[in-house]
Amino acid sequence: MALIKIKEVIGTSTESFDEAIKGALRNLKEQKKNLSGAKVSSQSVRLTNGDIAEYRVDLKIAYKWEKELYKK
């Protein structure tokens, strides 16, 4: 039986929503080699003087829960 764990993260970029998603996935891929899916929960921007300063994407990332995580 496989267990799938969901991790919620926020990716950010000064360039675009796409880059915010790719950056978050790139960082998680370094930690978890077994990513299986991602869902964008929401998108938002941070403004400075009315201009977009940062793109933010709330992601739910699915990955297979490895057996070693069960250790106490």
Protein backbone atom coordinates (compact mmCIF):
# COMPACT_ATOMS: atom_id res chain seq x y z
CA MET A 1 0.00 0.00 0.00
CA ALA A 2 1.33 3.44 -0.92
CA LEU A 3 0.67 6.54 1.13
CA ILE A 4 0.59 9.93 -0.55
CA LYS A 5 1.51 12.97 1.52
CA ILE A 6 0.40 16.52 0.65
CA LYS A 7 2.67 19.46 1.43
CA GLU A 8 1.46 23.03 1.04
CA VAL A 9 4.03 25.59 -0.07
CA ILE A 10 4.09 29.14 -1.41
CA GLY A 11 6.30 29.83 -4.41
CA THR A 12 7.38 33.39 -5.17
CA SER A 13 8.94 35.16 -8.13
CA THR A 14 9.53 38.73 -9.26
CA GLU A 15 8.99 37.62 -12.89
CA SER A 16 5.73 35.62 -13.23
CA PHE A 17 3.31 33.09 -11.75
CA ASP A 18 4.90 30.44 -13.98
CA GLU A 19 8.35 31.14 -12.52
CA ALA A 20 6.91 31.04 -8.98
CA ILE A 21 5.53 27.54 -9.67
CA LYS A 22 8.72 26.30 -11.32
CA GLY A 23 10.88 27.67 -8.49
CA ALA A 24 8.78 25.98 -5.80
CA LEU A 25 8.86 22.66 -7.65
CA ARG A 26 12.61 22.95 -8.27
CA ASN A 27 13.27 23.48 -4.55
CA LEU A 28 11.00 20.62 -3.48
CA LYS A 29 12.45 18.27 -6.09
CA GLU A 30 15.84 18.63 -4.36
CA GLN A 31 14.29 17.45 -1.07
CA LYS A 32 11.79 14.91 -2.36
CA LYS A 33 12.66 12.74 -5.34
CA ASN A 34 9.19 11.19 -5.49
CA LEU A 35 6.90 14.12 -6.40
CA SER A 36 3.76 12.93 -8.13
CA GLY A 37 1.59 16.01 -8.66
CA ALA A 38 0.83 19.62 -7.85
CA LYS A 39 -2.29 21.74 -7.59
CA VAL A 40 -2.38 25.54 -7.62
CA SER A 41 -4.68 26.58 -4.77
CA SER A 42 -4.42 30.32 -5.28
CA GLN A 43 -2.42 33.07 -6.90
CA SER A 44 -1.75 36.57 -5.58
CA VAL A 45 0.64 39.46 -6.03
CA ARG A 46 2.43 41.82 -3.68
CA LEU A 47 2.30 45.44 -4.81
CA THR A 48 4.77 48.26 -4.27
CA ASN A 49 3.51 51.72 -5.23
CA GLY A 50 0.76 50.07 -7.27
CA ASP A 51 3.16 47.96 -9.33
CA ILE A 52 3.62 44.20 -9.08
CA ALA A 53 6.65 43.51 -6.92
CA GLU A 54 6.17 39.76 -6.40
CA TYR A 55 4.04 36.93 -7.77
CA ARG A 56 2.89 34.35 -5.21
CA VAL A 57 1.44 30.91 -5.87
CA ASP A 58 -0.02 28.64 -3.16
CA LEU A 59 0.68 25.03 -4.19
CA LYS A 60 -0.35 21.66 -2.82
CA ILE A 61 2.35 19.16 -3.71
CA ALA A 62 1.74 15.39 -3.64
CA TYR A 63 4.54 12.89 -3.04
CA LYS A 64 4.88 9.26 -2.04
CA TRP A 65 5.47 8.98 1.70
CA GLU A 66 8.69 7.01 2.13
CA LYS A 67 8.95 4.25 4.72
CA GLU A 68 11.83 5.96 6.55
CA LEU A 69 9.44 8.77 7.52
CA TYR A 70 7.70 6.31 9.85
CA LYS A 71 10.76 6.06 12.10
CA LYS A 72 10.37 7.47 15.60
